[in-house]
Amino acid sequence: MTQRLDLKFHRLIWIVLVLVTAGCAAKAQYVEPTRVRANPQLAFNPNDLQMIAGKMAESLLATDIFDPAEKPIIRITEVKNKTSEHIDTKAITDKVRTTLIKSRKVKFVADKREAGAEQDMLKEFEQQMDPSGKGALMDDKAKLRPGKLKGPKYHLFGEIISIANVDKAGKDVYYKMTLNLMNLEQGTLDWSEEKEVRKVKDRSVFGR
């Protein structure tokens, strides 16, 4: 009798554990890309990327540098990562560029690191100009015209740095991104902006 009770008790415990485990299992779900988590990670994360890139683009668009009628051309270079972390800085510059393009106030040329796109463009141009190849099959009015390529008026570049401090109280991480807009005709910096992010984590009572 006692053995049967023990067996039933163990089965009950096993069922309870299974139910608790199933109830505690984390479920993945879709969220808005711009959603900010209430408890962010100390490491650079998507929240920081969205926030910094968005504020940078908004700051630049809020200036009176760009003439809406002119739509100046910009070349943007990938932000330099001067932190000790692996940060996808291209994702930051891509976000800034996309926001600026959507404003329809400026235009962009391919970045020097985006060599593939530029080479493809030059190859396409050569093929259209070749009278014995692809160019012979194309309508002359639809062909690319020589001497029409435009160079950038501005160069957008920057860097991101970080400082981390660890002491008895916990950990403090500080990030700062700086973005600059250089006027290539005059060699002057027409705009510069920096955005800061600071996150702290108190040491737990268990010392973790």
N, C-alpha and C. Protein backbone atom coordinates (compact mmCIF):
# COMPACT_ATOMS: atom_id res chain seq x y z
N MET A 1 0.84 -1.21 0.00
CA MET A 1 0.00 0.00 0.00
C MET A 1 0.87 1.26 0.00
N THR A 2 1.88 1.21 0.84
CA THR A 2 2.79 2.36 0.94
C THR A 2 3.51 2.58 -0.38
N GLN A 3 3.92 1.47 -1.03
CA GLN A 3 4.63 1.59 -2.31
C GLN A 3 3.74 2.22 -3.37
N ARG A 4 2.44 1.86 -3.38
CA ARG A 4 1.52 2.44 -4.34
C ARG A 4 1.35 3.94 -4.12
N LEU A 5 1.28 4.32 -2.85
CA LEU A 5 1.14 5.75 -2.52
C LEU A 5 2.38 6.52 -2.95
N ASP A 6 3.55 5.92 -2.71
CA ASP A 6 4.80 6.56 -3.12
C ASP A 6 4.86 6.71 -4.64
N LEU A 7 4.41 5.68 -5.36
CA LEU A 7 4.41 5.73 -6.82
C LEU A 7 3.47 6.82 -7.32
N LYS A 8 2.27 6.91 -6.75
CA LYS A 8 1.34 7.95 -7.14
C LYS A 8 1.89 9.34 -6.82
N PHE A 9 2.55 9.43 -5.67
CA PHE A 9 3.12 10.73 -5.26
C PHE A 9 4.21 11.17 -6.25
N HIS A 10 5.08 10.25 -6.66
CA HIS A 10 6.14 10.58 -7.61
C HIS A 10 5.56 10.97 -8.97
N ARG A 11 4.51 10.26 -9.37
CA ARG A 11 3.87 10.62 -10.63
C ARG A 11 3.25 12.01 -10.58
N LEU A 12 2.66 12.33 -9.45
CA LEU A 12 2.05 13.66 -9.26
C LEU A 12 3.11 14.75 -9.33
N ILE A 13 4.24 14.49 -8.66
CA ILE A 13 5.34 15.46 -8.69
C ILE A 13 5.84 15.65 -10.11
N TRP A 14 5.95 14.54 -10.86
CA TRP A 14 6.45 14.62 -12.23
C TRP A 14 5.49 15.43 -13.11
N ILE A 15 4.20 15.21 -12.94
CA ILE A 15 3.20 15.96 -13.72
C ILE A 15 3.26 17.45 -13.40
N VAL A 16 3.40 17.78 -12.12
CA VAL A 16 3.49 19.18 -11.70
C VAL A 16 4.71 19.84 -12.31
N LEU A 17 5.85 19.14 -12.30
CA LEU A 17 7.08 19.69 -12.87
C LEU A 17 6.93 19.94 -14.36
N VAL A 18 6.29 19.01 -15.06
CA VAL A 18 6.08 19.18 -16.49
C VAL A 18 5.21 20.39 -16.78
N LEU A 19 4.14 20.55 -16.00
CA LEU A 19 3.24 21.69 -16.20
C LEU A 19 3.93 23.01 -15.90
N VAL A 20 4.72 23.04 -14.83
CA VAL A 20 5.43 24.27 -14.46
C VAL A 20 6.44 24.63 -15.53
N THR A 21 7.18 23.62 -16.01
CA THR A 21 8.18 23.87 -17.05
C THR A 21 7.53 24.39 -18.32
N ALA A 22 6.40 23.80 -18.70
CA ALA A 22 5.70 24.24 -19.91
C ALA A 22 5.18 25.66 -19.75
N GLY A 23 4.71 25.98 -18.54
CA GLY A 23 4.17 27.31 -18.31
C GLY A 23 5.24 28.37 -18.28
N CYS A 24 6.46 27.98 -17.88
CA CYS A 24 7.55 28.96 -17.77
C CYS A 24 8.34 29.11 -19.06
N ALA A 25 8.07 28.25 -20.04
CA ALA A 25 8.83 28.30 -21.28
C ALA A 25 8.58 29.63 -21.99
N ALA A 26 9.67 30.26 -22.45
CA ALA A 26 9.56 31.54 -23.15
C ALA A 26 9.03 31.32 -24.55
N LYS A 27 8.16 32.21 -25.00
CA LYS A 27 7.58 32.11 -26.33
C LYS A 27 8.05 33.29 -27.18
N ALA A 28 8.50 32.98 -28.39
CA ALA A 28 8.93 34.03 -29.31
C ALA A 28 7.71 34.71 -29.91
N GLN A 29 7.84 35.99 -30.17
CA GLN A 29 6.74 36.73 -30.76
C GLN A 29 7.28 37.90 -31.57
N TYR A 30 6.49 38.37 -32.55
CA TYR A 30 6.87 39.53 -33.33
C TYR A 30 6.59 40.80 -32.52
N VAL A 31 7.52 41.78 -32.62
CA VAL A 31 7.33 43.08 -32.00
C VAL A 31 7.76 44.15 -32.99
N GLU A 32 7.40 45.37 -32.74
CA GLU A 32 7.81 46.46 -33.60
C GLU A 32 9.32 46.65 -33.51
N PRO A 33 10.00 46.85 -34.67
CA PRO A 33 11.46 47.02 -34.64
C PRO A 33 11.94 48.19 -33.78
N THR A 34 11.07 49.20 -33.64
CA THR A 34 11.45 50.37 -32.86
C THR A 34 11.12 50.24 -31.38
N ARG A 35 10.54 49.11 -30.99
CA ARG A 35 10.18 48.92 -29.59
C ARG A 35 11.42 48.88 -28.71
N VAL A 36 11.38 49.58 -27.60
CA VAL A 36 12.50 49.63 -26.66
C VAL A 36 12.19 48.77 -25.44
N ARG A 37 13.11 47.89 -25.11
CA ARG A 37 12.90 47.01 -23.96
C ARG A 37 13.08 47.80 -22.67
N ALA A 38 12.27 47.47 -21.69
CA ALA A 38 12.34 48.17 -20.40
C ALA A 38 13.63 47.84 -19.66
N ASN A 39 14.15 46.64 -19.88
CA ASN A 39 15.38 46.21 -19.21
C ASN A 39 16.43 45.90 -20.26
N PRO A 40 17.11 46.92 -20.79
CA PRO A 40 18.04 46.70 -21.90
C PRO A 40 19.32 45.98 -21.48
N GLN A 41 19.96 45.35 -22.44
CA GLN A 41 21.25 44.73 -22.20
C GLN A 41 22.31 45.82 -22.08
N LEU A 42 23.36 45.53 -21.33
CA LEU A 42 24.44 46.51 -21.21
C LEU A 42 25.20 46.63 -22.52
N ALA A 43 25.35 45.53 -23.25
CA ALA A 43 26.05 45.57 -24.52
C ALA A 43 25.24 46.35 -25.55
N PHE A 44 25.91 46.88 -26.56
CA PHE A 44 25.24 47.61 -27.62
C PHE A 44 24.25 46.68 -28.30
N ASN A 45 23.01 47.11 -28.46
CA ASN A 45 21.95 46.24 -28.95
C ASN A 45 21.03 46.99 -29.92
N PRO A 46 20.05 46.30 -30.52
CA PRO A 46 19.16 46.96 -31.49
C PRO A 46 18.45 48.19 -30.96
N ASN A 47 18.14 48.22 -29.67
CA ASN A 47 17.53 49.42 -29.10
C ASN A 47 18.43 50.63 -29.30
N ASP A 48 19.71 50.45 -29.01
CA ASP A 48 20.67 51.55 -29.13
C ASP A 48 20.82 51.97 -30.59
N LEU A 49 20.87 50.99 -31.49
CA LEU A 49 21.01 51.29 -32.91
C LEU A 49 19.85 52.15 -33.40
N GLN A 50 18.63 51.73 -33.10
CA GLN A 50 17.45 52.46 -33.53
C GLN A 50 17.45 53.88 -32.98
N MET A 51 17.77 54.00 -31.70
CA MET A 51 17.70 55.29 -31.03
C MET A 51 18.76 56.26 -31.56
N ILE A 52 20.01 55.79 -31.65
CA ILE A 52 21.10 56.66 -32.08
C ILE A 52 20.95 57.05 -33.55
N ALA A 53 20.73 56.06 -34.42
CA ALA A 53 20.62 56.35 -35.84
C ALA A 53 19.44 57.27 -36.12
N GLY A 54 18.32 57.03 -35.46
CA GLY A 54 17.14 57.87 -35.67
C GLY A 54 17.37 59.31 -35.25
N LYS A 55 17.99 59.50 -34.09
CA LYS A 55 18.24 60.86 -33.60
C LYS A 55 19.25 61.60 -34.47
N MET A 56 20.24 60.87 -34.98
CA MET A 56 21.23 61.49 -35.86
C MET A 56 20.57 62.02 -37.12
N ALA A 57 19.76 61.19 -37.76
CA ALA A 57 19.10 61.59 -38.99
C ALA A 57 18.15 62.76 -38.75
N GLU A 58 17.41 62.72 -37.66
CA GLU A 58 16.48 63.80 -37.33
C GLU A 58 17.22 65.11 -37.11
N SER A 59 18.36 65.05 -36.43
CA SER A 59 19.15 66.25 -36.16
C SER A 59 19.64 66.88 -37.46
N LEU A 60 20.12 66.05 -38.38
CA LEU A 60 20.63 66.57 -39.64
C LEU A 60 19.51 67.17 -40.48
N LEU A 61 18.36 66.52 -40.50
CA LEU A 61 17.23 67.02 -41.29
C LEU A 61 16.66 68.31 -40.70
N ALA A 62 16.87 68.51 -39.41
CA ALA A 62 16.33 69.71 -38.75
C ALA A 62 17.15 70.96 -39.05
N THR A 63 18.34 70.80 -39.64
CA THR A 63 19.16 71.96 -39.98
C THR A 63 18.68 72.60 -41.27
N ASP A 64 19.24 73.76 -41.60
CA ASP A 64 18.89 74.44 -42.85
C ASP A 64 20.01 74.32 -43.88
N ILE A 65 20.81 73.26 -43.75
CA ILE A 65 21.97 73.08 -44.64
C ILE A 65 21.52 72.75 -46.06
N PHE A 66 20.53 71.88 -46.18
CA PHE A 66 20.15 71.38 -47.49
C PHE A 66 19.10 72.27 -48.16
N ASP A 67 19.35 72.60 -49.41
CA ASP A 67 18.39 73.33 -50.21
C ASP A 67 17.44 72.32 -50.84
N PRO A 68 16.15 72.35 -50.50
CA PRO A 68 15.19 71.36 -51.03
C PRO A 68 15.18 71.30 -52.55
N ALA A 69 15.43 72.43 -53.18
CA ALA A 69 15.41 72.46 -54.64
C ALA A 69 16.66 71.83 -55.24
N GLU A 70 17.74 71.84 -54.48
CA GLU A 70 19.01 71.32 -54.98
C GLU A 70 19.15 69.81 -54.80
N LYS A 71 18.69 69.29 -53.66
CA LYS A 71 18.87 67.89 -53.30
C LYS A 71 20.33 67.46 -53.47
N PRO A 72 21.20 67.97 -52.63
CA PRO A 72 22.63 67.68 -52.77
C PRO A 72 22.94 66.19 -52.62
N ILE A 73 24.04 65.78 -53.22
CA ILE A 73 24.46 64.38 -53.19
C ILE A 73 25.46 64.17 -52.06
N ILE A 74 25.27 63.06 -51.33
CA ILE A 74 26.12 62.75 -50.17
C ILE A 74 26.75 61.38 -50.35
N ARG A 75 27.99 61.28 -49.91
CA ARG A 75 28.60 59.96 -49.78
C ARG A 75 28.74 59.67 -48.28
N ILE A 76 28.25 58.53 -47.86
CA ILE A 76 28.32 58.17 -46.44
C ILE A 76 29.29 57.01 -46.27
N THR A 77 30.17 57.14 -45.31
CA THR A 77 31.15 56.09 -45.01
C THR A 77 30.77 55.40 -43.71
N GLU A 78 30.97 54.10 -43.69
CA GLU A 78 30.62 53.31 -42.51
C GLU A 78 31.25 53.87 -41.25
N VAL A 79 30.46 54.00 -40.21
CA VAL A 79 30.94 54.53 -38.93
C VAL A 79 32.06 53.65 -38.38
N LYS A 80 33.12 54.28 -37.90
CA LYS A 80 34.25 53.53 -37.33
C LYS A 80 33.90 53.04 -35.93
N ASN A 81 34.17 51.79 -35.69
CA ASN A 81 33.91 51.19 -34.38
C ASN A 81 35.17 51.29 -33.52
N LYS A 82 35.16 52.17 -32.54
CA LYS A 82 36.31 52.33 -31.65
C LYS A 82 36.00 51.81 -30.25
N THR A 83 35.04 50.87 -30.19
CA THR A 83 34.71 50.23 -28.93
C THR A 83 35.42 48.88 -28.86
N SER A 84 35.31 48.21 -27.73
CA SER A 84 35.90 46.88 -27.57
C SER A 84 34.90 45.79 -27.97
N GLU A 85 33.72 46.18 -28.42
CA GLU A 85 32.68 45.23 -28.80
C GLU A 85 32.61 45.07 -30.32
N HIS A 86 31.98 43.99 -30.73
CA HIS A 86 31.69 43.80 -32.15
C HIS A 86 30.35 44.47 -32.44
N ILE A 87 30.39 45.59 -33.12
CA ILE A 87 29.19 46.35 -33.45
C ILE A 87 29.07 46.44 -34.96
N ASP A 88 27.90 46.10 -35.47
CA ASP A 88 27.65 46.19 -36.90
C ASP A 88 27.38 47.66 -37.25
N THR A 89 28.46 48.41 -37.48
CA THR A 89 28.30 49.84 -37.73
C THR A 89 27.66 50.11 -39.09
N LYS A 90 27.76 49.17 -40.00
CA LYS A 90 27.10 49.36 -41.30
C LYS A 90 25.59 49.45 -41.13
N ALA A 91 25.06 48.70 -40.15
CA ALA A 91 23.63 48.77 -39.88
C ALA A 91 23.23 50.17 -39.41
N ILE A 92 24.14 50.83 -38.68
CA ILE A 92 23.86 52.20 -38.21
C ILE A 92 23.84 53.16 -39.39
N THR A 93 24.89 53.13 -40.22
CA THR A 93 24.96 54.05 -41.34
C THR A 93 23.85 53.77 -42.36
N ASP A 94 23.49 52.50 -42.53
CA ASP A 94 22.39 52.18 -43.44
C ASP A 94 21.07 52.77 -42.95
N LYS A 95 20.86 52.73 -41.63
CA LYS A 95 19.65 53.29 -41.04
C LYS A 95 19.60 54.80 -41.23
N VAL A 96 20.74 55.46 -41.00
CA VAL A 96 20.81 56.92 -41.19
C VAL A 96 20.55 57.26 -42.65
N ARG A 97 21.19 56.55 -43.55
CA ARG A 97 21.04 56.84 -44.98
C ARG A 97 19.60 56.62 -45.45
N THR A 98 18.99 55.52 -45.01
CA THR A 98 17.62 55.24 -45.43
C THR A 98 16.66 56.33 -44.97
N THR A 99 16.85 56.80 -43.73
CA THR A 99 15.99 57.86 -43.21
C THR A 99 16.16 59.15 -44.00
N LEU A 100 17.40 59.48 -44.34
CA LEU A 100 17.67 60.70 -45.09
C LEU A 100 17.11 60.61 -46.52
N ILE A 101 17.24 59.45 -47.14
CA ILE A 101 16.72 59.28 -48.50
C ILE A 101 15.20 59.42 -48.51
N LYS A 102 14.54 58.86 -47.49
CA LYS A 102 13.08 58.94 -47.41
C LYS A 102 12.59 60.37 -47.23
N SER A 103 13.45 61.24 -46.71
CA SER A 103 13.07 62.64 -46.53
C SER A 103 12.98 63.37 -47.87
N ARG A 104 13.63 62.80 -48.90
CA ARG A 104 13.67 63.37 -50.25
C ARG A 104 14.34 64.74 -50.30
N LYS A 105 15.19 65.00 -49.32
CA LYS A 105 15.94 66.27 -49.30
C LYS A 105 17.34 66.11 -49.86
N VAL A 106 17.82 64.87 -49.90
CA VAL A 106 19.18 64.61 -50.37
C VAL A 106 19.21 63.35 -51.22
N LYS A 107 20.33 63.15 -51.90
CA LYS A 107 20.59 61.93 -52.65
C LYS A 107 21.93 61.36 -52.20
N PHE A 108 22.15 60.10 -52.54
CA PHE A 108 23.39 59.44 -52.12
C PHE A 108 24.06 58.74 -53.30
N VAL A 109 25.37 58.66 -53.23
CA VAL A 109 26.13 57.79 -54.13
C VAL A 109 26.61 56.61 -53.29
N ALA A 110 27.03 55.54 -53.96
CA ALA A 110 27.49 54.36 -53.24
C ALA A 110 28.73 54.67 -52.41
N ASP A 111 28.78 54.08 -51.25
CA ASP A 111 29.95 54.25 -50.39
C ASP A 111 31.15 53.55 -51.04
N LYS A 112 32.34 54.03 -50.74
CA LYS A 112 33.56 53.45 -51.32
C LYS A 112 33.71 51.99 -50.94
N ARG A 113 33.16 51.59 -49.79
CA ARG A 113 33.25 50.20 -49.39
C ARG A 113 32.23 49.32 -50.11
N GLU A 114 31.26 49.98 -50.74
CA GLU A 114 30.26 49.24 -51.50
C GLU A 114 30.74 49.12 -52.94
N ALA A 115 31.94 48.54 -53.08
CA ALA A 115 32.61 48.50 -54.38
C ALA A 115 31.81 47.70 -55.39
N GLY A 116 31.10 46.68 -54.94
CA GLY A 116 30.35 45.84 -55.85
C GLY A 116 29.31 46.61 -56.64
N ALA A 117 28.54 47.46 -55.95
CA ALA A 117 27.49 48.23 -56.61
C ALA A 117 28.09 49.20 -57.62
N GLU A 118 29.21 49.83 -57.26
CA GLU A 118 29.83 50.79 -58.16
C GLU A 118 30.41 50.09 -59.39
N GLN A 119 31.02 48.93 -59.19
CA GLN A 119 31.58 48.18 -60.31
C GLN A 119 30.48 47.70 -61.25
N ASP A 120 29.35 47.27 -60.68
CA ASP A 120 28.22 46.84 -61.51
C ASP A 120 27.69 47.99 -62.36
N MET A 121 27.67 49.18 -61.76
CA MET A 121 27.20 50.35 -62.49
C MET A 121 28.13 50.66 -63.67
N LEU A 122 29.43 50.64 -63.42
CA LEU A 122 30.40 50.93 -64.48
C LEU A 122 30.35 49.88 -65.58
N LYS A 123 30.15 48.61 -65.19
CA LYS A 123 30.06 47.53 -66.17
C LYS A 123 28.83 47.72 -67.06
N GLU A 124 27.71 48.08 -66.42
CA GLU A 124 26.48 48.31 -67.18
C GLU A 124 26.67 49.47 -68.16
N PHE A 125 27.36 50.52 -67.72
CA PHE A 125 27.62 51.68 -68.57
C PHE A 125 28.46 51.27 -69.78
N GLU A 126 29.50 50.48 -69.56
CA GLU A 126 30.37 50.04 -70.64
C GLU A 126 29.61 49.18 -71.65
N GLN A 127 28.74 48.31 -71.14
CA GLN A 127 27.98 47.43 -72.03
C GLN A 127 27.02 48.23 -72.91
N GLN A 128 26.41 49.26 -72.33
CA GLN A 128 25.48 50.07 -73.11
C GLN A 128 26.20 50.92 -74.15
N MET A 129 27.45 51.27 -73.88
CA MET A 129 28.21 52.08 -74.82
C MET A 129 28.86 51.24 -75.91
N ASP A 130 28.88 49.92 -75.76
CA ASP A 130 29.52 49.03 -76.72
C ASP A 130 28.60 48.82 -77.93
N PRO A 131 28.95 49.34 -79.10
CA PRO A 131 28.07 49.22 -80.28
C PRO A 131 28.00 47.81 -80.85
N SER A 132 28.94 46.94 -80.45
CA SER A 132 28.95 45.59 -81.00
C SER A 132 28.32 44.56 -80.06
N GLY A 133 27.96 44.98 -78.87
CA GLY A 133 27.40 44.05 -77.90
C GLY A 133 26.00 44.43 -77.48
N LYS A 134 25.80 44.53 -76.18
CA LYS A 134 24.48 44.84 -75.63
C LYS A 134 23.98 46.19 -76.13
N GLY A 135 24.89 47.13 -76.30
CA GLY A 135 24.50 48.47 -76.72
C GLY A 135 23.83 48.51 -78.08
N ALA A 136 24.18 47.54 -78.95
CA ALA A 136 23.60 47.51 -80.28
C ALA A 136 22.12 47.15 -80.26
N LEU A 137 21.67 46.51 -79.19
CA LEU A 137 20.29 46.07 -79.09
C LEU A 137 19.39 47.08 -78.37
N MET A 138 19.99 48.11 -77.83
CA MET A 138 19.21 49.06 -77.03
C MET A 138 18.83 50.29 -77.84
N ASP A 139 17.68 50.85 -77.46
CA ASP A 139 17.23 52.10 -78.06
C ASP A 139 18.19 53.21 -77.62
N ASP A 140 18.67 54.00 -78.56
CA ASP A 140 19.62 55.06 -78.24
C ASP A 140 19.08 56.04 -77.21
N LYS A 141 17.77 56.27 -77.23
CA LYS A 141 17.18 57.21 -76.27
C LYS A 141 17.17 56.65 -74.85
N ALA A 142 17.23 55.31 -74.73
CA ALA A 142 17.17 54.68 -73.41
C ALA A 142 18.55 54.42 -72.82
N LYS A 143 19.59 54.64 -73.60
CA LYS A 143 20.94 54.37 -73.12
C LYS A 143 21.41 55.42 -72.11
N LEU A 144 22.32 55.00 -71.25
CA LEU A 144 22.97 55.93 -70.34
C LEU A 144 23.82 56.90 -71.15
N ARG A 145 23.85 58.16 -70.74
CA ARG A 145 24.60 59.17 -71.47
C ARG A 145 25.93 59.44 -70.79
N PRO A 146 27.02 59.51 -71.55
CA PRO A 146 28.32 59.81 -70.96
C PRO A 146 28.36 61.23 -70.40
N GLY A 147 29.14 61.41 -69.35
CA GLY A 147 29.30 62.73 -68.76
C GLY A 147 28.16 63.16 -67.86
N LYS A 148 27.28 62.22 -67.50
CA LYS A 148 26.13 62.55 -66.67
C LYS A 148 26.30 62.16 -65.20
N LEU A 149 27.34 61.40 -64.90
CA LEU A 149 27.56 60.99 -63.51
C LEU A 149 27.86 62.20 -62.64
N LYS A 150 27.28 62.23 -61.45
CA LYS A 150 27.46 63.36 -60.55
C LYS A 150 28.23 62.95 -59.30
N GLY A 151 29.13 63.80 -58.90
CA GLY A 151 29.91 63.53 -57.71
C GLY A 151 29.24 64.09 -56.47
N PRO A 152 29.58 63.58 -55.29
CA PRO A 152 28.95 64.07 -54.05
C PRO A 152 29.45 65.46 -53.66
N LYS A 153 28.57 66.20 -53.04
CA LYS A 153 28.93 67.52 -52.51
C LYS A 153 29.35 67.41 -51.05
N TYR A 154 28.80 66.40 -50.35
CA TYR A 154 29.09 66.23 -48.93
C TYR A 154 29.59 64.81 -48.64
N HIS A 155 30.32 64.71 -47.57
CA HIS A 155 30.79 63.41 -47.08
C HIS A 155 30.33 63.27 -45.63
N LEU A 156 29.57 62.21 -45.36
CA LEU A 156 29.04 61.95 -44.01
C LEU A 156 29.83 60.80 -43.39
N PHE A 157 30.45 61.05 -42.25
CA PHE A 157 31.29 60.03 -41.61
C PHE A 157 31.28 60.23 -40.10
N GLY A 158 31.73 59.22 -39.37
CA GLY A 158 31.74 59.35 -37.92
C GLY A 158 32.36 58.15 -37.24
N GLU A 159 32.18 58.09 -35.92
CA GLU A 159 32.74 57.01 -35.13
C GLU A 159 31.89 56.78 -33.88
N ILE A 160 32.07 55.61 -33.28
CA ILE A 160 31.39 55.30 -32.03
C ILE A 160 32.42 54.79 -31.04
N ILE A 161 32.36 55.31 -29.81
CA ILE A 161 33.29 54.90 -28.77
C ILE A 161 32.50 54.40 -27.56
N SER A 162 33.17 53.72 -26.67
CA SER A 162 32.51 53.27 -25.45
C SER A 162 33.49 53.30 -24.29
N ILE A 163 32.94 53.50 -23.10
CA ILE A 163 33.72 53.48 -21.86
C ILE A 163 32.94 52.64 -20.86
N ALA A 164 33.59 51.64 -20.29
CA ALA A 164 32.93 50.76 -19.32
C ALA A 164 33.67 50.83 -17.99
N ASN A 165 32.91 50.94 -16.92
CA ASN A 165 33.48 50.98 -15.57
C ASN A 165 32.80 49.90 -14.72
N VAL A 166 33.61 49.16 -13.99
CA VAL A 166 33.10 48.13 -13.09
C VAL A 166 33.66 48.38 -11.70
N ASP A 167 32.77 48.44 -10.72
CA ASP A 167 33.22 48.62 -9.34
C ASP A 167 32.32 47.80 -8.41
N LYS A 168 32.43 48.02 -7.13
CA LYS A 168 31.66 47.26 -6.16
C LYS A 168 30.15 47.50 -6.30
N ALA A 169 29.80 48.67 -6.79
CA ALA A 169 28.37 49.01 -6.92
C ALA A 169 27.73 48.34 -8.13
N GLY A 170 28.52 48.03 -9.16
CA GLY A 170 27.96 47.42 -10.36
C GLY A 170 28.76 47.81 -11.59
N LYS A 171 28.07 47.89 -12.73
CA LYS A 171 28.73 48.18 -14.00
C LYS A 171 28.06 49.36 -14.69
N ASP A 172 28.88 50.21 -15.30
CA ASP A 172 28.41 51.40 -15.98
C ASP A 172 29.02 51.41 -17.38
N VAL A 173 28.15 51.46 -18.41
CA VAL A 173 28.62 51.47 -19.80
C VAL A 173 28.13 52.73 -20.49
N TYR A 174 29.06 53.41 -21.15
CA TYR A 174 28.76 54.68 -21.82
C TYR A 174 29.15 54.57 -23.29
N TYR A 175 28.21 54.94 -24.18
CA TYR A 175 28.48 54.95 -25.62
C TYR A 175 28.28 56.36 -26.15
N LYS A 176 29.13 56.74 -27.10
CA LYS A 176 28.94 58.03 -27.76
C LYS A 176 29.23 57.87 -29.25
N MET A 177 28.28 58.29 -30.05
CA MET A 177 28.47 58.28 -31.50
C MET A 177 28.53 59.70 -32.01
N THR A 178 29.52 59.96 -32.84
CA THR A 178 29.70 61.28 -33.44
C THR A 178 29.57 61.15 -34.95
N LEU A 179 28.82 62.05 -35.55
CA LEU A 179 28.63 62.04 -37.00
C LEU A 179 28.95 63.44 -37.52
N ASN A 180 29.70 63.49 -38.64
CA ASN A 180 30.13 64.76 -39.22
C ASN A 180 29.76 64.85 -40.69
N LEU A 181 29.43 66.06 -41.13
CA LEU A 181 29.11 66.30 -42.54
C LEU A 181 30.13 67.30 -43.09
N MET A 182 30.97 66.81 -44.00
CA MET A 182 32.01 67.67 -44.59
C MET A 182 31.57 68.17 -45.96
N ASN A 183 31.75 69.47 -46.17
CA ASN A 183 31.52 70.08 -47.47
C ASN A 183 32.76 69.85 -48.32
N LEU A 184 32.65 68.99 -49.34
CA LEU A 184 33.82 68.60 -50.12
C LEU A 184 34.33 69.73 -51.01
N GLU A 185 33.48 70.67 -51.37
CA GLU A 185 33.92 71.79 -52.20
C GLU A 185 34.76 72.77 -51.40
N GLN A 186 34.39 72.97 -50.14
CA GLN A 186 35.06 73.97 -49.31
C GLN A 186 35.99 73.36 -48.26
N GLY A 187 35.86 72.04 -48.02
CA GLY A 187 36.70 71.39 -47.02
C GLY A 187 36.33 71.76 -45.60
N THR A 188 35.08 72.16 -45.39
CA THR A 188 34.62 72.57 -44.06
C THR A 188 33.63 71.56 -43.49
N LEU A 189 33.56 71.52 -42.16
CA LEU A 189 32.54 70.70 -41.50
C LEU A 189 31.30 71.56 -41.32
N ASP A 190 30.27 71.29 -42.10
CA ASP A 190 29.05 72.09 -42.05
C ASP A 190 28.09 71.63 -40.96
N TRP A 191 28.31 70.44 -40.44
CA TRP A 191 27.43 69.92 -39.39
C TRP A 191 28.14 68.82 -38.62
N SER A 192 27.89 68.80 -37.32
CA SER A 192 28.45 67.74 -36.48
C SER A 192 27.48 67.51 -35.33
N GLU A 193 27.28 66.24 -35.00
CA GLU A 193 26.34 65.89 -33.93
C GLU A 193 26.86 64.68 -33.18
N GLU A 194 26.52 64.61 -31.91
CA GLU A 194 26.88 63.44 -31.11
C GLU A 194 25.69 63.01 -30.27
N LYS A 195 25.54 61.72 -30.13
CA LYS A 195 24.47 61.15 -29.33
C LYS A 195 25.08 60.19 -28.32
N GLU A 196 24.58 60.26 -27.10
CA GLU A 196 25.14 59.46 -26.01
C GLU A 196 24.11 58.48 -25.46
N VAL A 197 24.59 57.34 -25.04
CA VAL A 197 23.77 56.33 -24.37
C VAL A 197 24.55 55.84 -23.18
N ARG A 198 23.92 55.84 -22.01
CA ARG A 198 24.58 55.37 -20.80
C ARG A 198 23.65 54.39 -20.09
N LYS A 199 24.22 53.23 -19.72
CA LYS A 199 23.43 52.20 -19.05
C LYS A 199 24.18 51.71 -17.82
N VAL A 200 23.44 51.49 -16.75
CA VAL A 200 24.05 51.03 -15.50
C VAL A 200 23.34 49.76 -15.03
N LYS A 201 24.08 48.93 -14.35
CA LYS A 201 23.54 47.71 -13.77
C LYS A 201 24.11 47.53 -12.38
N ASP A 202 23.24 47.59 -11.39
CA ASP A 202 23.69 47.44 -10.00
C ASP A 202 24.04 45.99 -9.73
N ARG A 203 25.05 45.82 -8.88
CA ARG A 203 25.44 44.46 -8.50
C ARG A 203 24.36 43.86 -7.61
N SER A 204 24.00 42.60 -7.87
CA SER A 204 22.94 41.94 -7.11
C SER A 204 23.45 41.59 -5.72
N VAL A 205 22.51 41.27 -4.85
CA VAL A 205 22.88 40.92 -3.48
C VAL A 205 23.67 39.63 -3.41
N PHE A 206 23.61 38.86 -4.51
CA PHE A 206 24.35 37.60 -4.55
C PHE A 206 25.72 37.75 -5.18
N GLY A 207 26.06 39.01 -5.55
CA GLY A 207 27.39 39.29 -6.06
C GLY A 207 27.57 38.97 -7.53
N ARG A 208 26.51 38.74 -8.29
CA ARG A 208 26.61 38.43 -9.69
C ARG A 208 26.56 39.69 -10.54
